[in-house]
Amino acid sequence: MKILVAEDEPQLQRVLVAAITNAGYEVDPVANGKEAVEHARSHSYDIIMLDIMMPVMDGITALKKIRETGDKTYILMLTAKAEVDDRVTGLDSGADDYLTKPFSLKELLARLRSKERRDDTFTPKELSYGDVTLNVEDQELVSKNSIRLNNKETQLMNYLLLNQNKELTVQEILNHVWKNEPDADEEIVWVYISYLRQKLSSIQSDVRIEGEKDHSFTLIK
């Protein structure tokens, strides 16, 4: 998994990065909410961890700005604020989970593993962007008309829709869509990107996939 950690306290940030990296995850550390918003807008993450009390932009404001873009990334708030009202504010602003400082690294890593397991079973029923909607259960892509997708096309379109407007590298796509298929390579990504481009065109959608073979791809409208 790829994780964005926004924490302004340097020592705690170093500890978090070391622990998460040692657990086998990729980490991008930033020091305030503004940097977190900028990273979330341009990169794909599986989890975003936001401290609430940060300089430049606090974690709650950053959380709201990230959600305003339609970003559905799992967000875990880290804070010294333990009052119930503080937790309610974070959750009502779009956070998925809440961990109060001081917290156990063992518990934090357990939550990351729980989220990783959840990714294997959790799939939204429907995702929309611009003039296109993906009905995940029916594997149907709808715009001015509709078309059925196969399993892998559905998974790839689902991943693109969850990360709309972000540049996704071929490796990131392989890690999420073909993660249990060690023989999958860059060529298969290009083939399925081409399939989806044809199907978006066939349903007359204005949404398109930008990018070239062996480089990154972005879903835009």
Protein backbone atom coordinates (compact mmCIF):
# COMPACT_ATOMS: atom_id res chain seq x y z
CA MET A 1 0.00 0.00 0.00
CA LYS A 2 1.03 3.61 -0.55
CA ILE A 3 0.45 5.91 2.43
CA LEU A 4 0.58 9.71 2.81
CA VAL A 5 1.59 10.81 6.32
CA ALA A 6 0.97 14.45 7.30
CA GLU A 7 2.65 15.10 10.67
CA ASP A 8 4.41 18.33 11.68
CA GLU A 9 6.36 16.95 14.65
CA PRO A 10 9.69 15.83 13.08
CA GLN A 11 10.55 13.07 15.56
CA LEU A 12 7.10 11.47 15.39
CA GLN A 13 7.13 11.76 11.61
CA ARG A 14 10.48 9.91 11.46
CA VAL A 15 9.14 7.17 13.76
CA LEU A 16 5.99 6.78 11.68
CA VAL A 17 7.87 6.64 8.39
CA ALA A 18 10.35 4.07 9.75
CA ALA A 19 7.62 1.85 11.22
CA ILE A 20 5.40 1.97 8.14
CA THR A 21 8.34 1.41 5.77
CA ASN A 22 9.59 -1.54 7.83
CA ALA A 23 6.09 -3.02 7.58
CA GLY A 24 6.51 -3.09 3.81
CA TYR A 25 4.46 -0.07 2.80
CA GLU A 26 5.47 2.93 0.68
CA VAL A 27 5.31 6.29 2.51
CA ASP A 28 5.23 9.94 1.43
CA PRO A 29 5.77 12.24 4.47
CA VAL A 30 4.63 15.89 4.52
CA ALA A 31 4.70 18.48 7.32
CA ASN A 32 1.38 20.34 7.03
CA GLY A 33 -2.16 20.14 5.69
CA LYS A 34 -1.49 22.28 2.61
CA GLU A 35 1.21 19.87 1.42
CA ALA A 36 -1.13 16.95 2.16
CA VAL A 37 -3.88 18.45 -0.04
CA GLU A 38 -1.41 19.07 -2.87
CA HIS A 39 -0.05 15.52 -2.71
CA ALA A 40 -3.56 13.99 -2.51
CA ARG A 41 -4.61 15.90 -5.63
CA SER A 42 -1.72 14.64 -7.74
CA HIS A 43 -0.94 11.15 -6.39
CA SER A 44 -2.83 7.96 -5.70
CA TYR A 45 -2.80 6.74 -2.07
CA ASP A 46 -4.39 3.80 -0.29
CA ILE A 47 -4.39 5.62 3.06
CA ILE A 48 -3.94 9.25 4.10
CA MET A 49 -2.93 9.89 7.73
CA LEU A 50 -3.58 13.45 8.92
CA ASP A 51 -2.50 15.03 12.16
CA ILE A 52 -5.14 17.59 13.18
CA MET A 53 -3.00 20.29 14.79
CA MET A 54 -0.57 21.31 12.02
CA PRO A 55 0.82 24.67 10.86
CA VAL A 56 -0.13 26.38 7.58
CA MET A 57 -3.30 24.25 7.29
CA ASP A 58 -4.81 22.09 10.04
CA GLY A 59 -5.84 18.48 9.44
CA ILE A 60 -9.62 19.09 9.51
CA THR A 61 -9.36 21.80 6.83
CA ALA A 62 -7.11 19.53 4.76
CA LEU A 63 -9.59 16.67 5.18
CA LYS A 64 -12.48 18.82 3.93
CA LYS A 65 -10.48 20.07 0.92
CA ILE A 66 -9.48 16.51 -0.03
CA ARG A 67 -13.11 15.32 0.17
CA GLU A 68 -14.32 18.35 -1.84
CA THR A 69 -12.42 16.98 -4.84
CA GLY A 70 -14.37 13.71 -4.67
CA ASP A 71 -11.35 11.84 -3.30
CA LYS A 72 -12.57 8.67 -1.55
CA THR A 73 -9.18 7.61 -0.15
CA TYR A 74 -9.34 6.06 3.33
CA ILE A 75 -8.35 8.82 5.80
CA LEU A 76 -7.10 8.18 9.34
CA MET A 77 -6.91 11.17 11.68
CA LEU A 78 -4.09 11.36 14.26
CA THR A 79 -4.65 13.79 17.11
CA ALA A 80 -4.09 14.63 20.74
CA LYS A 81 -7.71 15.83 20.91
CA ALA A 82 -9.56 13.09 22.77
CA GLU A 83 -12.93 14.73 23.37
CA VAL A 84 -15.97 13.07 21.82
CA ASP A 85 -16.95 16.28 20.00
CA ASP A 86 -13.50 16.43 18.38
CA ARG A 87 -13.89 12.86 17.11
CA VAL A 88 -17.38 13.62 15.83
CA THR A 89 -16.07 16.68 13.97
CA GLY A 90 -13.38 14.60 12.28
CA LEU A 91 -15.72 11.79 11.29
CA ASP A 92 -18.46 14.18 10.11
CA SER A 93 -15.87 15.99 7.97
CA GLY A 94 -15.13 12.78 6.06
CA ALA A 95 -12.57 10.86 8.11
CA ASP A 96 -12.81 7.06 8.15
CA ASP A 97 -11.01 6.40 11.41
CA TYR A 98 -9.53 8.23 14.38
CA LEU A 99 -6.46 7.44 16.50
CA THR A 100 -5.73 9.44 19.64
CA LYS A 101 -2.17 10.35 20.67
CA PRO A 102 -0.23 8.87 22.30
CA PHE A 103 -0.96 5.70 20.37
CA SER A 104 0.73 2.34 20.08
CA LEU A 105 2.65 1.71 16.85
CA LYS A 106 1.49 -1.91 17.15
CA GLU A 107 -2.14 -0.73 17.06
CA LEU A 108 -1.47 1.63 14.15
CA LEU A 109 0.13 -1.15 12.09
CA ALA A 110 -2.77 -3.48 12.96
CA ARG A 111 -5.18 -0.87 11.58
CA LEU A 112 -3.14 -0.62 8.37
CA ARG A 113 -3.26 -4.41 7.97
CA SER A 114 -7.02 -4.32 8.59
CA LYS A 115 -7.41 -1.72 5.85
CA GLU A 116 -5.28 -3.85 3.53
CA ARG A 117 -7.54 -6.87 4.13
CA ARG A 118 -10.61 -4.68 3.57
CA ASP A 119 -9.34 -3.76 0.10
CA ASP A 120 -9.71 -7.43 -0.91
CA THR A 121 -13.43 -7.46 -0.20
CA PHE A 122 -14.70 -3.88 -0.32
CA THR A 123 -15.90 -2.50 -3.64
CA PRO A 124 -18.26 0.45 -4.11
CA LYS A 125 -21.51 -0.39 -5.93
CA GLU A 126 -21.41 2.62 -8.20
CA LEU A 127 -18.89 5.33 -9.14
CA SER A 128 -19.50 8.42 -11.26
CA TYR A 129 -17.29 11.05 -12.86
CA GLY A 130 -18.32 13.65 -15.42
CA ASP A 131 -20.90 12.06 -17.71
CA VAL A 132 -19.94 8.46 -17.00
CA THR A 133 -21.11 6.02 -14.31
CA LEU A 134 -19.70 2.59 -13.52
CA ASN A 135 -22.15 0.12 -12.03
CA VAL A 136 -19.63 -2.19 -10.42
CA GLU A 137 -21.96 -5.09 -9.60
CA ASP A 138 -23.44 -5.23 -13.09
CA GLN A 139 -20.07 -4.42 -14.70
CA GLU A 140 -21.79 -1.78 -16.81
CA LEU A 141 -20.39 1.54 -18.02
CA VAL A 142 -23.07 4.16 -18.69
CA SER A 143 -23.07 7.56 -20.41
CA LYS A 144 -25.28 8.50 -23.39
CA ASN A 145 -25.70 4.74 -23.81
CA SER A 146 -24.22 1.77 -21.99
CA ILE A 147 -21.84 -1.13 -22.47
CA ARG A 148 -20.81 -4.18 -20.46
CA LEU A 149 -17.23 -4.60 -19.21
CA ASN A 150 -15.38 -7.80 -18.38
CA ASN A 151 -13.98 -8.40 -14.88
CA LYS A 152 -10.58 -6.85 -15.47
CA GLU A 153 -11.97 -3.85 -17.36
CA THR A 154 -14.31 -3.24 -14.41
CA GLN A 155 -11.45 -3.40 -11.91
CA LEU A 156 -9.31 -1.05 -13.99
CA MET A 157 -12.16 1.45 -14.53
CA ASN A 158 -12.96 1.27 -10.81
CA TYR A 159 -9.35 2.15 -9.94
CA LEU A 160 -9.27 5.00 -12.48
CA LEU A 161 -12.55 6.42 -11.14
CA LEU A 162 -11.32 6.28 -7.54
CA ASN A 163 -8.25 8.27 -8.64
CA GLN A 164 -9.77 10.66 -11.19
CA ASN A 165 -7.48 13.50 -12.35
CA LYS A 166 -4.39 11.78 -10.87
CA GLU A 167 -1.43 10.45 -12.84
CA LEU A 168 -1.26 6.70 -12.23
CA THR A 169 1.93 4.92 -13.14
CA VAL A 170 1.84 1.55 -14.88
CA GLN A 171 3.33 -0.01 -11.73
CA GLU A 172 0.60 1.50 -9.52
CA ILE A 173 -2.04 0.09 -11.86
CA LEU A 174 -0.34 -3.33 -11.83
CA ASN A 175 -0.13 -3.24 -8.01
CA HIS A 176 -3.85 -2.57 -7.61
CA VAL A 177 -5.55 -4.26 -10.57
CA TRP A 178 -3.20 -7.18 -11.23
CA LYS A 179 -1.72 -7.50 -7.71
CA ASN A 180 -2.23 -11.28 -7.47
CA GLU A 181 -0.98 -11.99 -10.99
CA PRO A 182 2.86 -12.04 -10.97
CA ASP A 183 3.05 -12.64 -14.72
CA ALA A 184 1.17 -9.44 -15.57
CA ASP A 185 3.32 -6.76 -17.19
CA GLU A 186 3.20 -3.30 -18.77
CA GLU A 187 1.80 -4.69 -22.01
CA ILE A 188 -1.37 -6.00 -20.38
CA VAL A 189 -2.01 -2.57 -18.82
CA TRP A 190 -1.73 -0.93 -22.22
CA VAL A 191 -4.09 -3.49 -23.78
CA TYR A 192 -6.80 -2.89 -21.18
CA ILE A 193 -6.36 0.89 -21.28
CA SER A 194 -6.98 0.60 -25.02
CA TYR A 195 -10.11 -1.50 -24.42
CA LEU A 196 -11.52 1.09 -22.01
CA ARG A 197 -10.76 3.95 -24.38
CA GLN A 198 -12.74 2.18 -27.09
CA LYS A 199 -15.66 1.56 -24.73
CA LEU A 200 -15.73 5.16 -23.44
CA SER A 201 -15.86 6.29 -27.06
CA SER A 202 -18.61 3.79 -27.90
CA ILE A 203 -20.90 5.17 -25.16
CA GLN A 204 -20.12 8.73 -26.36
CA SER A 205 -18.64 9.86 -23.04
CA ASP A 206 -16.58 13.04 -22.75
CA VAL A 207 -14.43 11.30 -20.10
CA ARG A 208 -11.13 10.06 -21.50
CA ILE A 209 -7.91 8.36 -20.41
CA GLU A 210 -4.83 10.42 -21.17
CA GLY A 211 -1.35 8.90 -21.34
CA GLU A 212 0.96 6.89 -23.55
CA LYS A 213 2.19 3.32 -23.51
CA ASP A 214 4.70 2.57 -20.69
CA HIS A 215 4.02 5.95 -19.04
CA SER A 216 1.37 7.19 -16.62
CA PHE A 217 -2.38 7.40 -17.29
CA THR A 218 -4.96 9.93 -16.05
CA LEU A 219 -8.76 9.84 -16.18
CA ILE A 220 -9.99 13.32 -17.10
CA LYS A 221 -13.16 15.01 -18.40
